[in-house]
Every structure is written in structure tokens, then in C-alpha cells.
Amino acid sequence: MAPVALAAVLTPKSPEKAARFLEKFQECVDYVQKNERDFVYRYELHRGIKEQNGREQFVVLEHYKDQASMDKHVAAPPIAAMIQTLEKEDLVDAQIIMTNKGPGITPKL
């Protein structure tokens, strides 16, 4: 099966909602580190520089062994809880982009 990668651009709706998102995302990071290292190859957040209007964006980069691995990750309790919280508390505007590798330099990890 082919690897799966995605980039999510998240724009919190307020500074308080940004803090809440970061809290929930950290719970997911902790879970991934303890339970999913064999099939989640990349799971990281990049924090954008605040815009003049005070808003900021987060870019989450994810890379999975295959589609089944991504499905397993999304179904894991802390990830499912974060997704539910994002929707229920209306924390962010999100754009999720499924990607295929193009030209570039691969980082040495």
C-alpha cells in the first residue's frame, strides 16, 4: 500500500481557541509518541507568525505508512476526541490537503 501524507492549515478563531487547540493537539502528540510510532511517520505542528490582525495559523504535517494506518490513527480515542472538540467548540477554520510527494529535498531525520 502507498504512503499517505497530508497538510492541514488551521486558523484559530480567537487566541483562546488557539490555546484550546494546542492543548488538544498536545494530547494527540503524546498518544502518537506512545502508541503509533510504527505507522505514523510524521506528525508535527508548525506555528505561523501572527498576522497584523492578531490571528495566526498552524500547519500540521502528517505522514502515514498507508491509508489503513491513517484510518487507525483518526479512530484512536484522543484523535477522535480532538476532532469532536474542534467541531463542537468551533475552534478553527481548517483546510486539509492530501498530498503526493513532488520535487524537493527530503529531510534527514
PDB file of N, CA and C in Angstrom:
ATOM      1  N   MET A   1       0.839  -1.188   0.000  1.00  0.00           N
ATOM      2  CA  MET A   1       0.000   0.000   0.000  1.00  0.00           C
ATOM      3  C   MET A   1       0.881   1.248   0.000  1.00  0.00           C
ATOM      4  N   ALA A   2       0.371   2.291  -0.600  1.00  0.00           N
ATOM      5  CA  ALA A   2       1.129   3.529  -0.739  1.00  0.00           C
ATOM      6  C   ALA A   2       1.058   4.372   0.526  1.00  0.00           C
ATOM      7  N   PRO A   3       2.137   5.097   0.816  1.00  0.00           N
ATOM      8  CA  PRO A   3       2.107   6.028   1.944  1.00  0.00           C
ATOM      9  C   PRO A   3       1.058   7.116   1.720  1.00  0.00           C
ATOM     10  N   VAL A   4       0.589   7.695   2.810  1.00  0.00           N
ATOM     11  CA  VAL A   4      -0.402   8.767   2.763  1.00  0.00           C
ATOM     12  C   VAL A   4       0.162   9.960   3.519  1.00  0.00           C
ATOM     13  N   ALA A   5       0.068  11.135   2.913  1.00  0.00           N
ATOM     14  CA  ALA A   5       0.530  12.358   3.566  1.00  0.00           C
ATOM     15  C   ALA A   5      -0.545  13.418   3.440  1.00  0.00           C
ATOM     16  N   LEU A   6      -0.571  14.297   4.428  1.00  0.00           N
ATOM     17  CA  LEU A   6      -1.494  15.423   4.354  1.00  0.00           C
ATOM     18  C   LEU A   6      -0.912  16.626   5.067  1.00  0.00           C
ATOM     19  N   ALA A   7      -1.409  17.765   4.672  1.00  0.00           N
ATOM     20  CA  ALA A   7      -1.100  19.026   5.339  1.00  0.00           C
ATOM     21  C   ALA A   7      -2.435  19.657   5.700  1.00  0.00           C
ATOM     22  N   ALA A   8      -2.547  20.115   6.928  1.00  0.00           N
ATOM     23  CA  ALA A   8      -3.758  20.799   7.375  1.00  0.00           C
ATOM     24  C   ALA A   8      -3.376  22.211   7.784  1.00  0.00           C
ATOM     25  N   VAL A   9      -4.055  23.191   7.221  1.00  0.00           N
ATOM     26  CA  VAL A   9      -3.852  24.589   7.592  1.00  0.00           C
ATOM     27  C   VAL A   9      -5.024  24.978   8.482  1.00  0.00           C
ATOM     28  N   LEU A  10      -4.723  25.318   9.722  1.00  0.00           N
ATOM     29  CA  LEU A  10      -5.750  25.610  10.720  1.00  0.00           C
ATOM     30  C   LEU A  10      -5.612  27.053  11.182  1.00  0.00           C
ATOM     31  N   THR A  11      -6.712  27.784  11.147  1.00  0.00           N
ATOM     32  CA  THR A  11      -6.734  29.168  11.604  1.00  0.00           C
ATOM     33  C   THR A  11      -7.665  29.264  12.802  1.00  0.00           C
ATOM     34  N   PRO A  12      -7.106  29.389  14.016  1.00  0.00           N
ATOM     35  CA  PRO A  12      -7.952  29.509  15.205  1.00  0.00           C
ATOM     36  C   PRO A  12      -8.824  30.756  15.125  1.00  0.00           C
ATOM     37  N   LYS A  13     -10.005  30.670  15.707  1.00  0.00           N
ATOM     38  CA  LYS A  13     -10.965  31.770  15.640  1.00  0.00           C
ATOM     39  C   LYS A  13     -10.755  32.822  16.715  1.00  0.00           C
ATOM     40  N   SER A  14      -9.865  32.563  17.673  1.00  0.00           N
ATOM     41  CA  SER A  14      -9.503  33.545  18.700  1.00  0.00           C
ATOM     42  C   SER A  14      -8.251  33.034  19.400  1.00  0.00           C
ATOM     43  N   PRO A  15      -7.551  33.899  20.138  1.00  0.00           N
ATOM     44  CA  PRO A  15      -6.386  33.429  20.900  1.00  0.00           C
ATOM     45  C   PRO A  15      -6.750  32.341  21.911  1.00  0.00           C
ATOM     46  N   GLU A  16      -7.917  32.455  22.523  1.00  0.00           N
ATOM     47  CA  GLU A  16      -8.348  31.438  23.484  1.00  0.00           C
ATOM     48  C   GLU A  16      -8.592  30.097  22.783  1.00  0.00           C
ATOM     49  N   LYS A  17      -9.155  30.166  21.586  1.00  0.00           N
ATOM     50  CA  LYS A  17      -9.403  28.939  20.837  1.00  0.00           C
ATOM     51  C   LYS A  17      -8.094  28.343  20.325  1.00  0.00           C
ATOM     52  N   ALA A  18      -7.110  29.193  20.046  1.00  0.00           N
ATOM     53  CA  ALA A  18      -5.782  28.693  19.676  1.00  0.00           C
ATOM     54  C   ALA A  18      -5.178  27.910  20.829  1.00  0.00           C
ATOM     55  N   ALA A  19      -5.280  28.445  22.029  1.00  0.00           N
ATOM     56  CA  ALA A  19      -4.745  27.763  23.214  1.00  0.00           C
ATOM     57  C   ALA A  19      -5.449  26.429  23.435  1.00  0.00           C
ATOM     58  N   ARG A  20      -6.740  26.404  23.236  1.00  0.00           N
ATOM     59  CA  ARG A  20      -7.510  25.163  23.412  1.00  0.00           C
ATOM     60  C   ARG A  20      -7.100  24.132  22.359  1.00  0.00           C
ATOM     61  N   PHE A  21      -6.933  24.578  21.113  1.00  0.00           N
ATOM     62  CA  PHE A  21      -6.475  23.672  20.065  1.00  0.00           C
ATOM     63  C   PHE A  21      -5.113  23.084  20.416  1.00  0.00           C
ATOM     64  N   LEU A  22      -4.182  23.929  20.847  1.00  0.00           N
ATOM     65  CA  LEU A  22      -2.841  23.450  21.182  1.00  0.00           C
ATOM     66  C   LEU A  22      -2.871  22.434  22.318  1.00  0.00           C
ATOM     67  N   GLU A  23      -3.741  22.656  23.276  1.00  0.00           N
ATOM     68  CA  GLU A  23      -3.910  21.709  24.383  1.00  0.00           C
ATOM     69  C   GLU A  23      -4.349  20.340  23.853  1.00  0.00           C
ATOM     70  N   LYS A  24      -5.353  20.338  22.992  1.00  0.00           N
ATOM     71  CA  LYS A  24      -5.868  19.078  22.447  1.00  0.00           C
ATOM     72  C   LYS A  24      -4.840  18.422  21.514  1.00  0.00           C
ATOM     73  N   PHE A  25      -4.135  19.230  20.735  1.00  0.00           N
ATOM     74  CA  PHE A  25      -3.141  18.667  19.822  1.00  0.00           C
ATOM     75  C   PHE A  25      -2.008  18.005  20.603  1.00  0.00           C
ATOM     76  N   GLN A  26      -1.586  18.616  21.704  1.00  0.00           N
ATOM     77  CA  GLN A  26      -0.516  18.025  22.512  1.00  0.00           C
ATOM     78  C   GLN A  26      -0.933  16.656  23.049  1.00  0.00           C
ATOM     79  N   GLU A  27      -2.190  16.507  23.421  1.00  0.00           N
ATOM     80  CA  GLU A  27      -2.687  15.198  23.860  1.00  0.00           C
ATOM     81  C   GLU A  27      -2.533  14.165  22.741  1.00  0.00           C
ATOM     82  N   CYS A  28      -2.785  14.594  21.521  1.00  0.00           N
ATOM     83  CA  CYS A  28      -2.639  13.691  20.379  1.00  0.00           C
ATOM     84  C   CYS A  28      -1.173  13.343  20.137  1.00  0.00           C
ATOM     85  N   VAL A  29      -0.304  14.332  20.226  1.00  0.00           N
ATOM     86  CA  VAL A  29       1.132  14.090  20.055  1.00  0.00           C
ATOM     87  C   VAL A  29       1.615  13.067  21.079  1.00  0.00           C
ATOM     88  N   ASP A  30       1.226  13.255  22.326  1.00  0.00           N
ATOM     89  CA  ASP A  30       1.624  12.318  23.382  1.00  0.00           C
ATOM     90  C   ASP A  30       1.160  10.900  23.058  1.00  0.00           C
ATOM     91  N   TYR A  31      -0.063  10.777  22.576  1.00  0.00           N
ATOM     92  CA  TYR A  31      -0.612   9.465  22.221  1.00  0.00           C
ATOM     93  C   TYR A  31       0.166   8.842  21.060  1.00  0.00           C
ATOM     94  N   VAL A  32       0.412   9.635  20.021  1.00  0.00           N
ATOM     95  CA  VAL A  32       1.133   9.127  18.853  1.00  0.00           C
ATOM     96  C   VAL A  32       2.520   8.637  19.265  1.00  0.00           C
ATOM     97  N   GLN A  33       3.218   9.416  20.077  1.00  0.00           N
ATOM     98  CA  GLN A  33       4.567   9.021  20.504  1.00  0.00           C
ATOM     99  C   GLN A  33       4.560   7.705  21.269  1.00  0.00           C
ATOM    100  N   LYS A  34       3.544   7.465  22.051  1.00  0.00           N
ATOM    101  CA  LYS A  34       3.483   6.251  22.869  1.00  0.00           C
ATOM    102  C   LYS A  34       2.917   5.044  22.128  1.00  0.00           C
ATOM    103  N   ASN A  35       2.048   5.274  21.146  1.00  0.00           N
ATOM    104  CA  ASN A  35       1.270   4.165  20.587  1.00  0.00           C
ATOM    105  C   ASN A  35       1.351   3.961  19.077  1.00  0.00           C
ATOM    106  N   GLU A  36       1.825   4.939  18.330  1.00  0.00           N
ATOM    107  CA  GLU A  36       1.695   4.843  16.872  1.00  0.00           C
ATOM    108  C   GLU A  36       3.007   5.053  16.116  1.00  0.00           C
ATOM    109  N   ARG A  37       4.116   4.900  16.777  1.00  0.00           N
ATOM    110  CA  ARG A  37       5.407   5.168  16.130  1.00  0.00           C
ATOM    111  C   ARG A  37       5.697   4.239  14.949  1.00  0.00           C
ATOM    112  N   ASP A  38       5.080   3.068  14.923  1.00  0.00           N
ATOM    113  CA  ASP A  38       5.349   2.112  13.850  1.00  0.00           C
ATOM    114  C   ASP A  38       4.681   2.472  12.527  1.00  0.00           C
ATOM    115  N   PHE A  39       3.659   3.317  12.561  1.00  0.00           N
ATOM    116  CA  PHE A  39       2.946   3.602  11.312  1.00  0.00           C
ATOM    117  C   PHE A  39       2.630   5.079  11.099  1.00  0.00           C
ATOM    118  N   VAL A  40       2.898   5.925  12.077  1.00  0.00           N
ATOM    119  CA  VAL A  40       2.794   7.376  11.880  1.00  0.00           C
ATOM    120  C   VAL A  40       4.225   7.890  11.768  1.00  0.00           C
ATOM    121  N   TYR A  41       4.613   8.256  10.555  1.00  0.00           N
ATOM    122  CA  TYR A  41       5.996   8.640  10.296  1.00  0.00           C
ATOM    123  C   TYR A  41       6.263  10.119  10.556  1.00  0.00           C
ATOM    124  N   ARG A  42       5.232  10.916  10.455  1.00  0.00           N
ATOM    125  CA  ARG A  42       5.388  12.358  10.702  1.00  0.00           C
ATOM    126  C   ARG A  42       4.088  12.873  11.285  1.00  0.00           C
ATOM    127  N   TYR A  43       4.223  13.659  12.348  1.00  0.00           N
ATOM    128  CA  TYR A  43       3.044  14.238  13.000  1.00  0.00           C
ATOM    129  C   TYR A  43       3.539  15.473  13.727  1.00  0.00           C
ATOM    130  N   GLU A  44       3.541  16.583  13.015  1.00  0.00           N
ATOM    131  CA  GLU A  44       4.136  17.780  13.599  1.00  0.00           C
ATOM    132  C   GLU A  44       3.339  19.029  13.273  1.00  0.00           C
ATOM    133  N   LEU A  45       3.481  19.989  14.150  1.00  0.00           N
ATOM    134  CA  LEU A  45       2.778  21.259  14.017  1.00  0.00           C
ATOM    135  C   LEU A  45       3.795  22.371  13.814  1.00  0.00           C
ATOM    136  N   HIS A  46       3.509  23.230  12.858  1.00  0.00           N
ATOM    137  CA  HIS A  46       4.302  24.434  12.633  1.00  0.00           C
ATOM    138  C   HIS A  46       3.401  25.618  12.945  1.00  0.00           C
ATOM    139  N   ARG A  47       3.896  26.518  13.764  1.00  0.00           N
ATOM    140  CA  ARG A  47       3.103  27.669  14.194  1.00  0.00           C
ATOM    141  C   ARG A  47       3.503  28.879  13.354  1.00  0.00           C
ATOM    142  N   GLY A  48       2.515  29.463  12.673  1.00  0.00           N
ATOM    143  CA  GLY A  48       2.782  30.617  11.831  1.00  0.00           C
ATOM    144  C   GLY A  48       3.014  31.881  12.641  1.00  0.00           C
ATOM    145  N   ILE A  49       3.615  32.843  12.008  1.00  0.00           N
ATOM    146  CA  ILE A  49       3.815  34.159  12.606  1.00  0.00           C
ATOM    147  C   ILE A  49       2.463  34.871  12.627  1.00  0.00           C
ATOM    148  N   LYS A  50       2.159  35.539  13.734  1.00  0.00           N
ATOM    149  CA  LYS A  50       0.866  36.233  13.827  1.00  0.00           C
ATOM    150  C   LYS A  50       0.739  37.300  12.747  1.00  0.00           C
ATOM    151  N   GLU A  51      -0.452  37.368  12.188  1.00  0.00           N
ATOM    152  CA  GLU A  51      -0.754  38.381  11.183  1.00  0.00           C
ATOM    153  C   GLU A  51      -1.018  39.717  11.868  1.00  0.00           C
ATOM    154  N   GLN A  52      -1.111  40.773  11.104  1.00  0.00           N
ATOM    155  CA  GLN A  52      -1.355  42.099  11.676  1.00  0.00           C
ATOM    156  C   GLN A  52      -2.663  42.161  12.448  1.00  0.00           C
ATOM    157  N   ASN A  53      -3.640  41.363  12.053  1.00  0.00           N
ATOM    158  CA  ASN A  53      -4.925  41.361  12.758  1.00  0.00           C
ATOM    159  C   ASN A  53      -4.882  40.509  14.030  1.00  0.00           C
ATOM    160  N   GLY A  54      -3.709  39.963  14.361  1.00  0.00           N
ATOM    161  CA  GLY A  54      -3.554  39.181  15.579  1.00  0.00           C
ATOM    162  C   GLY A  54      -3.819  37.700  15.413  1.00  0.00           C
ATOM    163  N   ARG A  55      -4.366  37.317  14.273  1.00  0.00           N
ATOM    164  CA  ARG A  55      -4.646  35.892  14.051  1.00  0.00           C
ATOM    165  C   ARG A  55      -3.372  35.178  13.611  1.00  0.00           C
ATOM    166  N   GLU A  56      -3.347  33.907  13.887  1.00  0.00           N
ATOM    167  CA  GLU A  56      -2.218  33.099  13.449  1.00  0.00           C
ATOM    168  C   GLU A  56      -2.729  31.815  12.816  1.00  0.00           C
ATOM    169  N   GLN A  57      -1.855  31.132  12.134  1.00  0.00           N
ATOM    170  CA  GLN A  57      -2.214  29.864  11.519  1.00  0.00           C
ATOM    171  C   GLN A  57      -1.273  28.779  12.012  1.00  0.00           C
ATOM    172  N   PHE A  58      -1.792  27.573  12.021  1.00  0.00           N
ATOM    173  CA  PHE A  58      -0.992  26.396  12.320  1.00  0.00           C
ATOM    174  C   PHE A  58      -1.009  25.512  11.081  1.00  0.00           C
ATOM    175  N   VAL A  59       0.120  24.909  10.789  1.00  0.00           N
ATOM    176  CA  VAL A  59       0.203  23.935   9.710  1.00  0.00           C
ATOM    177  C   VAL A  59       0.592  22.608  10.349  1.00  0.00           C
ATOM    178  N   VAL A  60      -0.256  21.610  10.172  1.00  0.00           N
ATOM    179  CA  VAL A  60       0.007  20.274  10.701  1.00  0.00           C
ATOM    180  C   VAL A  60       0.398  19.388   9.523  1.00  0.00           C
ATOM    181  N   LEU A  61       1.558  18.745   9.638  1.00  0.00           N
ATOM    182  CA  LEU A  61       2.048  17.836   8.610  1.00  0.00           C
ATOM    183  C   LEU A  61       1.983  16.414   9.148  1.00  0.00           C
ATOM    184  N   GLU A  62       1.345  15.544   8.379  1.00  0.00           N
ATOM    185  CA  GLU A  62       1.171  14.158   8.804  1.00  0.00           C
ATOM    186  C   GLU A  62       1.596  13.228   7.669  1.00  0.00           C
ATOM    187  N   HIS A  63       2.221  12.107   8.033  1.00  0.00           N
ATOM    188  CA  HIS A  63       2.654  11.120   7.047  1.00  0.00           C
ATOM    189  C   HIS A  63       2.448   9.740   7.664  1.00  0.00           C
ATOM    190  N   TYR A  64       1.715   8.906   6.949  1.00  0.00           N
ATOM    191  CA  TYR A  64       1.336   7.587   7.449  1.00  0.00           C
ATOM    192  C   TYR A  64       1.873   6.489   6.540  1.00  0.00           C
ATOM    193  N   LYS A  65       2.040   5.320   7.114  1.00  0.00           N
ATOM    194  CA  LYS A  65       2.512   4.154   6.367  1.00  0.00           C
ATOM    195  C   LYS A  65       1.602   3.872   5.175  1.00  0.00           C
ATOM    196  N   ASP A  66       0.282   3.980   5.380  1.00  0.00           N
ATOM    197  CA  ASP A  66      -0.692   3.715   4.328  1.00  0.00           C
ATOM    198  C   ASP A  66      -2.062   4.229   4.783  1.00  0.00           C
ATOM    199  N   GLN A  67      -3.059   4.072   3.937  1.00  0.00           N
ATOM    200  CA  GLN A  67      -4.403   4.569   4.255  1.00  0.00           C
ATOM    201  C   GLN A  67      -4.966   3.902   5.500  1.00  0.00           C
ATOM    202  N   ALA A  68      -4.740   2.605   5.645  1.00  0.00           N
ATOM    203  CA  ALA A  68      -5.242   1.895   6.829  1.00  0.00           C
ATOM    204  C   ALA A  68      -4.629   2.468   8.106  1.00  0.00           C
ATOM    205  N   SER A  69      -3.369   2.866   8.036  1.00  0.00           N
ATOM    206  CA  SER A  69      -2.705   3.468   9.200  1.00  0.00           C
ATOM    207  C   SER A  69      -3.326   4.813   9.548  1.00  0.00           C
ATOM    208  N   MET A  70      -3.632   5.618   8.527  1.00  0.00           N
ATOM    209  CA  MET A  70      -4.273   6.899   8.794  1.00  0.00           C
ATOM    210  C   MET A  70      -5.662   6.683   9.389  1.00  0.00           C
ATOM    211  N   ASP A  71      -6.397   5.723   8.858  1.00  0.00           N
ATOM    212  CA  ASP A  71      -7.730   5.428   9.386  1.00  0.00           C
ATOM    213  C   ASP A  71      -7.653   4.990  10.846  1.00  0.00           C
ATOM    214  N   LYS A  72      -6.671   4.162  11.168  1.00  0.00           N
ATOM    215  CA  LYS A  72      -6.476   3.710  12.550  1.00  0.00           C
ATOM    216  C   LYS A  72      -6.153   4.895  13.457  1.00  0.00           C
ATOM    217  N   HIS A  73      -5.301   5.796  12.976  1.00  0.00           N
ATOM    218  CA  HIS A  73      -4.929   6.986  13.747  1.00  0.00           C
ATOM    219  C   HIS A  73      -6.152   7.857  14.035  1.00  0.00           C
ATOM    220  N   VAL A  74      -6.937   8.130  13.019  1.00  0.00           N
ATOM    221  CA  VAL A  74      -8.103   9.006  13.173  1.00  0.00           C
ATOM    222  C   VAL A  74      -9.127   8.405  14.137  1.00  0.00           C
ATOM    223  N   ALA A  75      -9.191   7.083  14.195  1.00  0.00           N
ATOM    224  CA  ALA A  75     -10.144   6.414  15.086  1.00  0.00           C
ATOM    225  C   ALA A  75      -9.651   6.300  16.529  1.00  0.00           C
ATOM    226  N   ALA A  76      -8.370   6.572  16.776  1.00  0.00           N
ATOM    227  CA  ALA A  76      -7.821   6.464  18.135  1.00  0.00           C
ATOM    228  C   ALA A  76      -8.528   7.461  19.058  1.00  0.00           C
ATOM    229  N   PRO A  77      -8.782   7.075  20.304  1.00  0.00           N
ATOM    230  CA  PRO A  77      -9.580   7.918  21.212  1.00  0.00           C
ATOM    231  C   PRO A  77      -9.149   9.387  21.319  1.00  0.00           C
ATOM    232  N   PRO A  78      -7.867   9.717  21.523  1.00  0.00           N
ATOM    233  CA  PRO A  78      -7.546  11.141  21.667  1.00  0.00           C
ATOM    234  C   PRO A  78      -7.685  11.926  20.366  1.00  0.00           C
ATOM    235  N   ILE A  79      -7.449  11.271  19.244  1.00  0.00           N
ATOM    236  CA  ILE A  79      -7.577  11.970  17.967  1.00  0.00           C
ATOM    237  C   ILE A  79      -9.054  12.188  17.662  1.00  0.00           C
ATOM    238  N   ALA A  80      -9.865  11.168  17.869  1.00  0.00           N
ATOM    239  CA  ALA A  80     -11.313  11.316  17.670  1.00  0.00           C
ATOM    240  C   ALA A  80     -11.875  12.388  18.597  1.00  0.00           C
ATOM    241  N   ALA A  81     -11.381  12.439  19.833  1.00  0.00           N
ATOM    242  CA  ALA A  81     -11.841  13.459  20.787  1.00  0.00           C
ATOM    243  C   ALA A  81     -11.433  14.853  20.331  1.00  0.00           C
ATOM    244  N   MET A  82     -10.211  14.992  19.782  1.00  0.00           N
ATOM    245  CA  MET A  82      -9.779  16.302  19.303  1.00  0.00           C
ATOM    246  C   MET A  82     -10.651  16.755  18.140  1.00  0.00           C
ATOM    247  N   ILE A  83     -10.912  15.861  17.207  1.00  0.00           N
ATOM    248  CA  ILE A  83     -11.754  16.215  16.059  1.00  0.00           C
ATOM    249  C   ILE A  83     -13.138  16.647  16.530  1.00  0.00           C
ATOM    250  N   GLN A  84     -13.691  15.916  17.468  1.00  0.00           N
ATOM    251  CA  GLN A  84     -15.004  16.268  18.018  1.00  0.00           C
ATOM    252  C   GLN A  84     -14.957  17.636  18.705  1.00  0.00           C
ATOM    253  N   THR A  85     -13.897  17.909  19.461  1.00  0.00           N
ATOM    254  CA  THR A  85     -13.754  19.197  20.141  1.00  0.00           C
ATOM    255  C   THR A  85     -13.625  20.334  19.140  1.00  0.00           C
ATOM    256  N   LEU A  86     -12.856  20.117  18.074  1.00  0.00           N
ATOM    257  CA  LEU A  86     -12.703  21.152  17.046  1.00  0.00           C
ATOM    258  C   LEU A  86     -14.059  21.549  16.480  1.00  0.00           C
ATOM    259  N   GLU A  87     -14.897  20.548  16.241  1.00  0.00           N
ATOM    260  CA  GLU A  87     -16.219  20.814  15.668  1.00  0.00           C
ATOM    261  C   GLU A  87     -17.174  21.399  16.706  1.00  0.00           C
ATOM    262  N   LYS A  88     -17.251  20.765  17.858  1.00  0.00           N
ATOM    263  CA  LYS A  88     -18.215  21.171  18.890  1.00  0.00           C
ATOM    264  C   LYS A  88     -17.939  22.583  19.408  1.00  0.00           C
ATOM    265  N   GLU A  89     -16.655  22.897  19.638  1.00  0.00           N
ATOM    266  CA  GLU A  89     -16.290  24.202  20.184  1.00  0.00           C
ATOM    267  C   GLU A  89     -15.955  25.223  19.103  1.00  0.00           C
ATOM    268  N   ASP A  90     -16.071  24.826  17.830  1.00  0.00           N
ATOM    269  CA  ASP A  90     -15.830  25.724  16.699  1.00  0.00           C
ATOM    270  C   ASP A  90     -14.495  26.457  16.866  1.00  0.00           C
ATOM    271  N   LEU A  91     -13.423  25.676  17.047  1.00  0.00           N
ATOM    272  CA  LEU A  91     -12.121  26.262  17.377  1.00  0.00           C
ATOM    273  C   LEU A  91     -11.393  26.872  16.195  1.00  0.00           C
ATOM    274  N   VAL A  92     -11.489  26.237  15.024  1.00  0.00           N
ATOM    275  CA  VAL A  92     -10.651  26.660  13.900  1.00  0.00           C
ATOM    276  C   VAL A  92     -11.405  26.588  12.581  1.00  0.00           C
ATOM    277  N   ASP A  93     -10.903  27.351  11.614  1.00  0.00           N
ATOM    278  CA  ASP A  93     -11.230  27.117  10.214  1.00  0.00           C
ATOM    279  C   ASP A  93     -10.120  26.213   9.704  1.00  0.00           C
ATOM    280  N   ALA A  94     -10.468  25.178   8.954  1.00  0.00           N
ATOM    281  CA  ALA A  94      -9.463  24.203   8.534  1.00  0.00           C
ATOM    282  C   ALA A  94      -9.529  23.936   7.041  1.00  0.00           C
ATOM    283  N   GLN A  95      -8.351  23.759   6.474  1.00  0.00           N
ATOM    284  CA  GLN A  95      -8.222  23.293   5.106  1.00  0.00           C
ATOM    285  C   GLN A  95      -7.279  22.097   5.153  1.00  0.00           C
ATOM    286  N   ILE A  96      -7.754  20.940   4.724  1.00  0.00           N
ATOM    287  CA  ILE A  96      -6.945  19.727   4.746  1.00  0.00           C
ATOM    288  C   ILE A  96      -6.610  19.356   3.313  1.00  0.00           C
ATOM    289  N   ILE A  97      -5.329  19.159   3.057  1.00  0.00           N
ATOM    290  CA  ILE A  97      -4.847  18.884   1.713  1.00  0.00           C
ATOM    291  C   ILE A  97      -4.132  17.535   1.718  1.00  0.00           C
ATOM    292  N   MET A  98      -4.676  16.565   1.002  1.00  0.00           N
ATOM    293  CA  MET A  98      -3.987  15.285   0.823  1.00  0.00           C
ATOM    294  C   MET A  98      -2.893  15.520  -0.209  1.00  0.00           C
ATOM    295  N   THR A  99      -1.703  14.989   0.027  1.00  0.00           N
ATOM    296  CA  THR A  99      -0.579  15.316  -0.842  1.00  0.00           C
ATOM    297  C   THR A  99       0.109  14.070  -1.380  1.00  0.00           C
ATOM    298  N   ASN A 100       0.789  14.255  -2.494  1.00  0.00           N
ATOM    299  CA  ASN A 100       1.742  13.295  -3.043  1.00  0.00           C
ATOM    300  C   ASN A 100       3.075  14.018  -3.121  1.00  0.00           C
ATOM    301  N   LYS A 101       4.147  13.295  -2.907  1.00  0.00           N
ATOM    302  CA  LYS A 101       5.464  13.914  -2.924  1.00  0.00           C
ATOM    303  C   LYS A 101       5.788  14.437  -4.314  1.00  0.00           C
ATOM    304  N   GLY A 102       6.280  15.660  -4.350  1.00  0.00           N
ATOM    305  CA  GLY A 102       6.747  16.279  -5.576  1.00  0.00           C
ATOM    306  C   GLY A 102       8.243  16.512  -5.484  1.00  0.00           C
ATOM    307  N   PRO A 103       8.786  17.364  -6.352  1.00  0.00           N
ATOM    308  CA  PRO A 103      10.218  17.626  -6.307  1.00  0.00           C
ATOM    309  C   PRO A 103      10.608  18.358  -5.030  1.00  0.00           C
ATOM    310  N   GLY A 104      11.813  18.145  -4.598  1.00  0.00           N
ATOM    311  CA  GLY A 104      12.309  18.830  -3.412  1.00  0.00           C
ATOM    312  C   GLY A 104      13.411  18.033  -2.751  1.00  0.00           C
ATOM    313  N   ILE A 105      13.786  18.457  -1.579  1.00  0.00           N
ATOM    314  CA  ILE A 105      14.843  17.814  -0.809  1.00  0.00           C
ATOM    315  C   ILE A 105      14.207  17.149   0.398  1.00  0.00           C
ATOM    316  N   THR A 106      14.460  15.879   0.585  1.00  0.00           N
ATOM    317  CA  THR A 106      13.916  15.144   1.721  1.00  0.00           C
ATOM    318  C   THR A 106      14.796  15.380   2.938  1.00  0.00           C
ATOM    319  N   PRO A 107      14.188  15.757   4.070  1.00  0.00           N
ATOM    320  CA  PRO A 107      14.999  16.000   5.273  1.00  0.00           C
ATOM    321  C   PRO A 107      15.612  14.710   5.788  1.00  0.00           C
ATOM    322  N   LYS A 108      16.768  14.847   6.407  1.00  0.00           N
ATOM    323  CA  LYS A 108      17.414  13.706   7.055  1.00  0.00           C
ATOM    324  C   LYS A 108      16.951  13.686   8.493  1.00  0.00           C
ATOM    325  N   LEU A 109      16.116  12.721   8.824  1.00  0.00           N
ATOM    326  CA  LEU A 109      15.562  12.632  10.171  1.00  0.00           C
ATOM    327  C   LEU A 109      16.290  11.622  10.999  1.00  0.00           C
TER     328      LEU A 109
END
